[in-house]
Amino acid sequence: MKIGYQGTFGSFSSIAANDLFSNAELINYLTFKDVLNNVLNDDIDFGVIPIENSYTGEVGMVLDELFNSSVFINKMYDLAIAQNLIGLPNAKLSDIKQVYSHEQALMQCSEELEKLNVELISFSNTALASEYIKEKNDISKAAIASSLTAEVFGLKILKQEINNNKSNTTRFAVISKKITEIKDHFAFMFTTHHTSGALAEVLNEISKNHINLTSIKSRSTHMDAFKYYFYCEAEGRLDSFDVKNMIDALNKKCATFKIIGSY
């Protein structure tokens, strides 16, 4: 079995992928879109991508890729995240002037970083940021990443577990080309017509069919000004009477509607 994730070995995505598929071949990709495309092209069996963090909220770039793709979520996995400030082996905390990491990691550690009075530089991935400071060999540069990343690149943990929330958790989705099994939760996306009360009508249909929404988020479609799509998670089985009724109703009422997973 081949499993894809975004980033490099040592990233939290690689840790989640290994936890979920310890006996599989793990393949890393540069972007989330690369992971989705390789799932669709049958180059990998599953992809593991971050959906949401308990402190900073949804990973917007991933939701955008799901909105524009035709992959399906088949499992959710919660990974406890311990962010560490890491630097060169000869660096001290007082040496640090710049900190590199993914924007989510920087936000998750904002309180400690503010105390350090350092320049924050966004990077595409926590492990790639660590690789960068290793290559630069500059004691004034540090990264925020996992302890595994520090070990992989021969770096030192300057300050341990600096995330604002000590119960910091990231939810990862396992995606594939089709729904592999109908389970007790499902996810869907939709857009509404630009008419008064359109969203209220959608929510009313969900309520009428006794569906409990566990999450609803809105994001810009990035196509037309001030037009949004909605990402929802709900309790229920896709083969149940109530969920089927809801799907039929929303297919008629929404401008676009699609089921994106059962987990």
C-alpha atoms as a PDB file:
ATOM      1  CA  MET A   1       0.000   0.000   0.000  1.00  0.00           C
ATOM      2  CA  LYS A   2       1.240   3.517  -0.849  1.00  0.00           C
ATOM      3  CA  ILE A   3       0.330   6.499   1.323  1.00  0.00           C
ATOM      4  CA  GLY A   4       0.977  10.150   0.462  1.00  0.00           C
ATOM      5  CA  TYR A   5       1.417  13.194   2.670  1.00  0.00           C
ATOM      6  CA  GLN A   6       2.573  16.785   2.254  1.00  0.00           C
ATOM      7  CA  GLY A   7       5.974  17.847   3.548  1.00  0.00           C
ATOM      8  CA  THR A   8       9.082  15.935   4.510  1.00  0.00           C
ATOM      9  CA  PHE A   9       9.850  13.117   6.902  1.00  0.00           C
ATOM     10  CA  GLY A  10       9.549  14.392  10.474  1.00  0.00           C
ATOM     11  CA  SER A  11       6.620  16.709   9.733  1.00  0.00           C
ATOM     12  CA  PHE A  12       3.414  16.219  11.700  1.00  0.00           C
ATOM     13  CA  SER A  13       1.764  14.938   8.516  1.00  0.00           C
ATOM     14  CA  SER A  14       4.406  12.226   8.240  1.00  0.00           C
ATOM     15  CA  ILE A  15       3.882  11.305  11.896  1.00  0.00           C
ATOM     16  CA  ALA A  16       0.119  11.026  11.348  1.00  0.00           C
ATOM     17  CA  ALA A  17       0.621   8.961   8.176  1.00  0.00           C
ATOM     18  CA  ASN A  18       2.948   6.579   9.994  1.00  0.00           C
ATOM     19  CA  ASP A  19       0.553   6.250  12.947  1.00  0.00           C
ATOM     20  CA  LEU A  20      -2.282   5.346  10.564  1.00  0.00           C
ATOM     21  CA  PHE A  21      -0.329   3.165   8.111  1.00  0.00           C
ATOM     22  CA  SER A  22       2.753   1.869   9.908  1.00  0.00           C
ATOM     23  CA  ASN A  23       3.349  -0.956   7.416  1.00  0.00           C
ATOM     24  CA  ALA A  24       2.782   1.047   4.224  1.00  0.00           C
ATOM     25  CA  GLU A  25       5.171   2.833   1.876  1.00  0.00           C
ATOM     26  CA  LEU A  26       5.011   6.535   2.764  1.00  0.00           C
ATOM     27  CA  ILE A  27       5.569   9.040  -0.063  1.00  0.00           C
ATOM     28  CA  ASN A  28       5.990  12.760   0.549  1.00  0.00           C
ATOM     29  CA  TYR A  29       4.810  15.521  -1.798  1.00  0.00           C
ATOM     30  CA  LEU A  30       5.509  19.231  -2.001  1.00  0.00           C
ATOM     31  CA  THR A  31       1.885  20.465  -1.854  1.00  0.00           C
ATOM     32  CA  PHE A  32      -1.547  19.339  -0.683  1.00  0.00           C
ATOM     33  CA  LYS A  33      -2.717  19.500  -4.295  1.00  0.00           C
ATOM     34  CA  ASP A  34       0.021  17.027  -5.244  1.00  0.00           C
ATOM     35  CA  VAL A  35      -1.339  14.582  -2.649  1.00  0.00           C
ATOM     36  CA  LEU A  36      -4.901  14.886  -3.991  1.00  0.00           C
ATOM     37  CA  ASN A  37      -3.801  14.566  -7.625  1.00  0.00           C
ATOM     38  CA  ASN A  38      -1.760  11.445  -6.927  1.00  0.00           C
ATOM     39  CA  VAL A  39      -4.769   9.883  -5.195  1.00  0.00           C
ATOM     40  CA  LEU A  40      -6.909  10.634  -8.248  1.00  0.00           C
ATOM     41  CA  ASN A  41      -4.217   9.300 -10.595  1.00  0.00           C
ATOM     42  CA  ASP A  42      -4.017   6.021  -8.614  1.00  0.00           C
ATOM     43  CA  ASP A  43      -0.333   6.614  -7.856  1.00  0.00           C
ATOM     44  CA  ILE A  44      -1.109   6.261  -4.135  1.00  0.00           C
ATOM     45  CA  ASP A  45      -3.902   4.419  -2.325  1.00  0.00           C
ATOM     46  CA  PHE A  46      -4.605   7.058   0.324  1.00  0.00           C
ATOM     47  CA  GLY A  47      -3.515  10.554   1.253  1.00  0.00           C
ATOM     48  CA  VAL A  48      -3.196  11.976   4.777  1.00  0.00           C
ATOM     49  CA  ILE A  49      -3.899  15.713   5.011  1.00  0.00           C
ATOM     50  CA  PRO A  50      -4.531  18.118   7.935  1.00  0.00           C
ATOM     51  CA  ILE A  51      -8.081  19.446   8.112  1.00  0.00           C
ATOM     52  CA  GLU A  52      -8.250  21.446  11.327  1.00  0.00           C
ATOM     53  CA  ASN A  53      -6.307  22.479  14.413  1.00  0.00           C
ATOM     54  CA  SER A  54      -7.979  22.788  17.815  1.00  0.00           C
ATOM     55  CA  TYR A  55      -6.370  26.214  18.394  1.00  0.00           C
ATOM     56  CA  THR A  56      -6.051  27.895  14.985  1.00  0.00           C
ATOM     57  CA  GLY A  57      -9.082  26.366  13.265  1.00  0.00           C
ATOM     58  CA  GLU A  58      -9.440  24.954   9.775  1.00  0.00           C
ATOM     59  CA  VAL A  59      -6.555  24.554   7.334  1.00  0.00           C
ATOM     60  CA  GLY A  60      -8.116  26.750   4.668  1.00  0.00           C
ATOM     61  CA  MET A  61      -5.820  25.708   1.845  1.00  0.00           C
ATOM     62  CA  VAL A  62      -6.830  22.051   2.333  1.00  0.00           C
ATOM     63  CA  LEU A  63     -10.566  22.839   2.378  1.00  0.00           C
ATOM     64  CA  ASP A  64     -10.109  24.812  -0.854  1.00  0.00           C
ATOM     65  CA  GLU A  65      -8.423  21.818  -2.499  1.00  0.00           C
ATOM     66  CA  LEU A  66     -11.231  19.511  -1.330  1.00  0.00           C
ATOM     67  CA  PHE A  67     -13.825  21.927  -2.734  1.00  0.00           C
ATOM     68  CA  ASN A  68     -12.163  21.842  -6.150  1.00  0.00           C
ATOM     69  CA  SER A  69     -11.371  18.121  -6.169  1.00  0.00           C
ATOM     70  CA  SER A  70     -13.284  14.836  -6.289  1.00  0.00           C
ATOM     71  CA  VAL A  71     -11.576  12.867  -3.518  1.00  0.00           C
ATOM     72  CA  PHE A  72     -13.382  11.519  -0.456  1.00  0.00           C
ATOM     73  CA  ILE A  73     -12.646  11.481   3.274  1.00  0.00           C
ATOM     74  CA  ASN A  74     -12.697   7.963   4.733  1.00  0.00           C
ATOM     75  CA  LYS A  75     -11.272   8.486   8.211  1.00  0.00           C
ATOM     76  CA  MET A  76     -10.430  11.247  10.683  1.00  0.00           C
ATOM     77  CA  TYR A  77      -7.440  11.024  12.996  1.00  0.00           C
ATOM     78  CA  ASP A  78      -6.575  13.365  15.885  1.00  0.00           C
ATOM     79  CA  LEU A  79      -2.872  13.899  16.567  1.00  0.00           C
ATOM     80  CA  ALA A  80      -1.654  15.683  19.709  1.00  0.00           C
ATOM     81  CA  ILE A  81       0.756  18.416  18.593  1.00  0.00           C
ATOM     82  CA  ALA A  82       3.765  19.489  20.680  1.00  0.00           C
ATOM     83  CA  GLN A  83       5.525  22.391  18.996  1.00  0.00           C
ATOM     84  CA  ASN A  84       9.186  22.972  19.867  1.00  0.00           C
ATOM     85  CA  LEU A  85      11.588  25.804  19.160  1.00  0.00           C
ATOM     86  CA  ILE A  86      14.615  24.167  17.562  1.00  0.00           C
ATOM     87  CA  GLY A  87      17.971  25.531  16.412  1.00  0.00           C
ATOM     88  CA  LEU A  88      21.549  24.605  15.605  1.00  0.00           C
ATOM     89  CA  PRO A  89      23.402  22.443  18.147  1.00  0.00           C
ATOM     90  CA  ASN A  90      25.600  25.390  19.205  1.00  0.00           C
ATOM     91  CA  ALA A  91      22.759  27.933  19.401  1.00  0.00           C
ATOM     92  CA  LYS A  92      21.303  29.424  22.591  1.00  0.00           C
ATOM     93  CA  LEU A  93      17.838  30.866  23.063  1.00  0.00           C
ATOM     94  CA  SER A  94      19.338  34.371  23.340  1.00  0.00           C
ATOM     95  CA  ASP A  95      20.926  33.984  19.867  1.00  0.00           C
ATOM     96  CA  ILE A  96      17.607  33.650  18.037  1.00  0.00           C
ATOM     97  CA  LYS A  97      16.511  36.570  15.859  1.00  0.00           C
ATOM     98  CA  GLN A  98      14.341  34.824  13.237  1.00  0.00           C
ATOM     99  CA  VAL A  99      11.900  31.934  13.564  1.00  0.00           C
ATOM    100  CA  TYR A 100      10.706  29.946  10.539  1.00  0.00           C
ATOM    101  CA  SER A 101       7.708  27.621  10.366  1.00  0.00           C
ATOM    102  CA  HIS A 102       4.320  26.966   8.797  1.00  0.00           C
ATOM    103  CA  GLU A 103       1.901  29.828   9.496  1.00  0.00           C
ATOM    104  CA  GLN A 104      -0.312  27.500  11.567  1.00  0.00           C
ATOM    105  CA  ALA A 105       2.625  26.587  13.817  1.00  0.00           C
ATOM    106  CA  LEU A 106       3.562  30.254  14.232  1.00  0.00           C
ATOM    107  CA  MET A 107      -0.006  31.072  15.288  1.00  0.00           C
ATOM    108  CA  GLN A 108      -0.125  28.092  17.659  1.00  0.00           C
ATOM    109  CA  CYS A 109       2.970  29.446  19.456  1.00  0.00           C
ATOM    110  CA  SER A 110       2.215  33.167  19.289  1.00  0.00           C
ATOM    111  CA  GLU A 111       2.404  33.837  23.048  1.00  0.00           C
ATOM    112  CA  GLU A 112       5.913  32.414  23.538  1.00  0.00           C
ATOM    113  CA  LEU A 113       7.164  33.946  20.295  1.00  0.00           C
ATOM    114  CA  GLU A 114       5.954  37.384  21.364  1.00  0.00           C
ATOM    115  CA  LYS A 115       8.062  37.106  24.529  1.00  0.00           C
ATOM    116  CA  LEU A 116      11.159  36.310  22.433  1.00  0.00           C
ATOM    117  CA  ASN A 117      10.708  39.443  20.279  1.00  0.00           C
ATOM    118  CA  VAL A 118      11.836  37.704  17.070  1.00  0.00           C
ATOM    119  CA  GLU A 119      11.016  38.056  13.387  1.00  0.00           C
ATOM    120  CA  LEU A 120       8.492  35.441  12.228  1.00  0.00           C
ATOM    121  CA  ILE A 121       8.866  34.008   8.729  1.00  0.00           C
ATOM    122  CA  SER A 122       6.212  31.752   7.225  1.00  0.00           C
ATOM    123  CA  PHE A 123       7.349  28.537   5.550  1.00  0.00           C
ATOM    124  CA  SER A 124       5.429  25.891   3.600  1.00  0.00           C
ATOM    125  CA  ASN A 125       6.082  23.150   6.158  1.00  0.00           C
ATOM    126  CA  THR A 126       7.551  22.775   9.668  1.00  0.00           C
ATOM    127  CA  ALA A 127      10.073  20.124   8.602  1.00  0.00           C
ATOM    128  CA  LEU A 128      11.136  22.096   5.518  1.00  0.00           C
ATOM    129  CA  ALA A 129      11.699  25.133   7.749  1.00  0.00           C
ATOM    130  CA  SER A 130      13.962  23.006   9.944  1.00  0.00           C
ATOM    131  CA  GLU A 131      15.852  21.733   6.925  1.00  0.00           C
ATOM    132  CA  TYR A 132      16.343  25.351   5.823  1.00  0.00           C
ATOM    133  CA  ILE A 133      17.914  26.491   9.107  1.00  0.00           C
ATOM    134  CA  LYS A 134      20.138  23.414   9.071  1.00  0.00           C
ATOM    135  CA  GLU A 135      21.386  24.377   5.597  1.00  0.00           C
ATOM    136  CA  LYS A 136      21.867  28.050   6.509  1.00  0.00           C
ATOM    137  CA  ASN A 137      23.981  27.095   9.553  1.00  0.00           C
ATOM    138  CA  ASP A 138      23.180  30.420  11.239  1.00  0.00           C
ATOM    139  CA  ILE A 139      22.726  30.391  15.038  1.00  0.00           C
ATOM    140  CA  SER A 140      20.332  33.358  14.823  1.00  0.00           C
ATOM    141  CA  LYS A 141      17.765  31.264  12.921  1.00  0.00           C
ATOM    142  CA  ALA A 142      15.372  28.772  14.521  1.00  0.00           C
ATOM    143  CA  ALA A 143      12.318  26.766  13.508  1.00  0.00           C
ATOM    144  CA  ILE A 144       9.168  25.484  15.153  1.00  0.00           C
ATOM    145  CA  ALA A 145       8.668  21.772  14.585  1.00  0.00           C
ATOM    146  CA  SER A 146       8.293  18.338  16.166  1.00  0.00           C
ATOM    147  CA  SER A 147      10.951  16.658  18.307  1.00  0.00           C
ATOM    148  CA  LEU A 148      11.251  14.038  15.543  1.00  0.00           C
ATOM    149  CA  THR A 149      12.171  16.790  13.079  1.00  0.00           C
ATOM    150  CA  ALA A 150      14.889  18.024  15.426  1.00  0.00           C
ATOM    151  CA  GLU A 151      16.266  14.493  15.596  1.00  0.00           C
ATOM    152  CA  VAL A 152      16.110  13.976  11.820  1.00  0.00           C
ATOM    153  CA  PHE A 153      18.108  17.130  11.044  1.00  0.00           C
ATOM    154  CA  GLY A 154      20.484  16.959  13.990  1.00  0.00           C
ATOM    155  CA  LEU A 155      19.081  20.103  15.597  1.00  0.00           C
ATOM    156  CA  LYS A 156      18.654  21.037  19.252  1.00  0.00           C
ATOM    157  CA  ILE A 157      15.425  21.778  21.100  1.00  0.00           C
ATOM    158  CA  LEU A 158      15.907  25.267  22.524  1.00  0.00           C
ATOM    159  CA  LYS A 159      12.493  25.395  24.177  1.00  0.00           C
ATOM    160  CA  GLN A 160      10.073  22.506  24.480  1.00  0.00           C
ATOM    161  CA  GLU A 161       6.295  22.513  23.959  1.00  0.00           C
ATOM    162  CA  ILE A 162       5.834  26.221  23.304  1.00  0.00           C
ATOM    163  CA  ASN A 163       2.315  25.981  21.834  1.00  0.00           C
ATOM    164  CA  ASN A 164      -0.192  28.295  23.541  1.00  0.00           C
ATOM    165  CA  ASN A 165      -2.638  25.466  24.238  1.00  0.00           C
ATOM    166  CA  LYS A 166      -1.106  22.385  25.820  1.00  0.00           C
ATOM    167  CA  SER A 167      -3.974  20.251  24.489  1.00  0.00           C
ATOM    168  CA  ASN A 168      -3.104  21.374  20.946  1.00  0.00           C
ATOM    169  CA  THR A 169      -4.481  18.809  18.485  1.00  0.00           C
ATOM    170  CA  THR A 170      -4.602  18.589  14.698  1.00  0.00           C
ATOM    171  CA  ARG A 171      -7.241  16.538  12.914  1.00  0.00           C
ATOM    172  CA  PHE A 172      -6.046  14.711   9.820  1.00  0.00           C
ATOM    173  CA  ALA A 173      -8.255  13.297   7.074  1.00  0.00           C
ATOM    174  CA  VAL A 174      -7.513  10.098   5.197  1.00  0.00           C
ATOM    175  CA  ILE A 175      -8.587  10.626   1.585  1.00  0.00           C
ATOM    176  CA  SER A 176      -9.077   8.258  -1.333  1.00  0.00           C
ATOM    177  CA  LYS A 177     -10.642   8.124  -4.789  1.00  0.00           C
ATOM    178  CA  LYS A 178     -13.918   6.684  -3.476  1.00  0.00           C
ATOM    179  CA  ILE A 179     -15.850   6.105  -0.268  1.00  0.00           C
ATOM    180  CA  THR A 180     -14.525   2.808   1.037  1.00  0.00           C
ATOM    181  CA  GLU A 181     -17.149   2.197   3.749  1.00  0.00           C
ATOM    182  CA  ILE A 182     -20.315   3.911   4.983  1.00  0.00           C
ATOM    183  CA  LYS A 183     -19.776   4.960   8.606  1.00  0.00           C
ATOM    184  CA  ASP A 184     -21.535   7.024  11.300  1.00  0.00           C
ATOM    185  CA  HIS A 185     -20.378  10.504  10.218  1.00  0.00           C
ATOM    186  CA  PHE A 186     -20.283  12.250   6.864  1.00  0.00           C
ATOM    187  CA  ALA A 187     -19.004  15.478   5.325  1.00  0.00           C
ATOM    188  CA  PHE A 188     -20.410  17.616   2.537  1.00  0.00           C
ATOM    189  CA  MET A 189     -19.869  20.922   0.749  1.00  0.00           C
ATOM    190  CA  PHE A 190     -22.317  23.285  -0.884  1.00  0.00           C
ATOM    191  CA  THR A 191     -22.849  26.750  -2.302  1.00  0.00           C
ATOM    192  CA  THR A 192     -26.117  28.657  -2.201  1.00  0.00           C
ATOM    193  CA  HIS A 193     -27.960  30.775  -4.730  1.00  0.00           C
ATOM    194  CA  HIS A 194     -27.514  34.538  -4.289  1.00  0.00           C
ATOM    195  CA  THR A 195     -31.043  35.045  -2.945  1.00  0.00           C
ATOM    196  CA  SER A 196     -32.469  36.169   0.367  1.00  0.00           C
ATOM    197  CA  GLY A 197     -32.781  33.343   2.884  1.00  0.00           C
ATOM    198  CA  ALA A 198     -30.926  30.780   0.756  1.00  0.00           C
ATOM    199  CA  LEU A 199     -28.652  29.623   3.569  1.00  0.00           C
ATOM    200  CA  ALA A 200     -31.544  29.542   6.038  1.00  0.00           C
ATOM    201  CA  GLU A 201     -33.463  27.219   3.683  1.00  0.00           C
ATOM    202  CA  VAL A 202     -30.501  24.836   3.526  1.00  0.00           C
ATOM    203  CA  LEU A 203     -30.114  24.770   7.303  1.00  0.00           C
ATOM    204  CA  ASN A 204     -33.864  24.246   7.687  1.00  0.00           C
ATOM    205  CA  GLU A 205     -33.719  21.160   5.447  1.00  0.00           C
ATOM    206  CA  ILE A 206     -30.854  19.771   7.521  1.00  0.00           C
ATOM    207  CA  SER A 207     -32.871  20.340  10.705  1.00  0.00           C
ATOM    208  CA  LYS A 208     -36.101  18.930   9.239  1.00  0.00           C
ATOM    209  CA  ASN A 209     -34.320  15.652   8.558  1.00  0.00           C
ATOM    210  CA  HIS A 210     -32.977  15.444  12.136  1.00  0.00           C
ATOM    211  CA  ILE A 211     -29.330  15.746  11.047  1.00  0.00           C
ATOM    212  CA  ASN A 212     -26.950  16.959  13.751  1.00  0.00           C
ATOM    213  CA  LEU A 213     -24.256  19.213  12.293  1.00  0.00           C
ATOM    214  CA  THR A 214     -21.012  18.905  14.256  1.00  0.00           C
ATOM    215  CA  SER A 215     -19.189  21.556  12.217  1.00  0.00           C
ATOM    216  CA  ILE A 216     -19.939  24.216   9.602  1.00  0.00           C
ATOM    217  CA  LYS A 217     -17.379  26.542   8.046  1.00  0.00           C
ATOM    218  CA  SER A 218     -17.503  29.082   5.229  1.00  0.00           C
ATOM    219  CA  ARG A 219     -14.705  29.929   2.809  1.00  0.00           C
ATOM    220  CA  SER A 220     -14.391  32.212  -0.195  1.00  0.00           C
ATOM    221  CA  THR A 221     -14.742  30.430  -3.537  1.00  0.00           C
ATOM    222  CA  HIS A 222     -11.869  32.645  -4.798  1.00  0.00           C
ATOM    223  CA  MET A 223     -13.791  32.982  -8.063  1.00  0.00           C
ATOM    224  CA  ASP A 224     -16.502  35.600  -7.631  1.00  0.00           C
ATOM    225  CA  ALA A 225     -16.380  38.507  -5.197  1.00  0.00           C
ATOM    226  CA  PHE A 226     -18.023  37.719  -1.865  1.00  0.00           C
ATOM    227  CA  LYS A 227     -19.248  34.267  -2.868  1.00  0.00           C
ATOM    228  CA  TYR A 228     -18.667  31.465  -0.415  1.00  0.00           C
ATOM    229  CA  TYR A 229     -18.807  27.717  -0.103  1.00  0.00           C
ATOM    230  CA  PHE A 230     -19.683  25.836   3.074  1.00  0.00           C
ATOM    231  CA  TYR A 231     -17.945  22.795   4.537  1.00  0.00           C
ATOM    232  CA  CYS A 232     -20.033  20.704   6.945  1.00  0.00           C
ATOM    233  CA  GLU A 233     -19.521  17.647   9.116  1.00  0.00           C
ATOM    234  CA  ALA A 234     -22.537  15.766  10.470  1.00  0.00           C
ATOM    235  CA  GLU A 235     -23.662  12.689  12.351  1.00  0.00           C
ATOM    236  CA  GLY A 236     -25.436  10.017  10.311  1.00  0.00           C
ATOM    237  CA  ARG A 237     -25.018   7.259   7.752  1.00  0.00           C
ATOM    238  CA  LEU A 238     -25.245   7.996   4.041  1.00  0.00           C
ATOM    239  CA  ASP A 239     -27.561   4.999   3.595  1.00  0.00           C
ATOM    240  CA  SER A 240     -30.058   6.141   6.262  1.00  0.00           C
ATOM    241  CA  PHE A 241     -33.530   7.433   5.338  1.00  0.00           C
ATOM    242  CA  ASP A 242     -32.999  10.884   6.906  1.00  0.00           C
ATOM    243  CA  VAL A 243     -29.619  11.495   5.266  1.00  0.00           C
ATOM    244  CA  LYS A 244     -30.926  10.391   1.858  1.00  0.00           C
ATOM    245  CA  ASN A 245     -33.862  12.803   2.209  1.00  0.00           C
ATOM    246  CA  MET A 246     -31.520  15.622   3.175  1.00  0.00           C
ATOM    247  CA  ILE A 247     -29.260  14.915   0.182  1.00  0.00           C
ATOM    248  CA  ASP A 248     -32.232  14.936  -2.212  1.00  0.00           C
ATOM    249  CA  ALA A 249     -33.479  18.233  -0.794  1.00  0.00           C
ATOM    250  CA  LEU A 250     -30.095  19.976  -0.862  1.00  0.00           C
ATOM    251  CA  ASN A 251     -29.372  18.844  -4.402  1.00  0.00           C
ATOM    252  CA  LYS A 252     -32.478  20.851  -5.375  1.00  0.00           C
ATOM    253  CA  LYS A 253     -31.988  23.879  -3.118  1.00  0.00           C
ATOM    254  CA  CYS A 254     -28.215  24.441  -3.391  1.00  0.00           C
ATOM    255  CA  ALA A 255     -26.370  26.002  -6.309  1.00  0.00           C
ATOM    256  CA  THR A 256     -23.817  23.182  -5.905  1.00  0.00           C
ATOM    257  CA  PHE A 257     -23.788  20.264  -3.481  1.00  0.00           C
ATOM    258  CA  LYS A 258     -21.521  17.254  -2.986  1.00  0.00           C
ATOM    259  CA  ILE A 259     -20.818  14.579  -0.414  1.00  0.00           C
ATOM    260  CA  ILE A 260     -17.092  14.467   0.302  1.00  0.00           C
ATOM    261  CA  GLY A 261     -16.791  11.647   2.793  1.00  0.00           C
ATOM    262  CA  SER A 262     -18.051   9.067   5.251  1.00  0.00           C
ATOM    263  CA  TYR A 263     -15.969   8.311   8.303  1.00  0.00           C
END
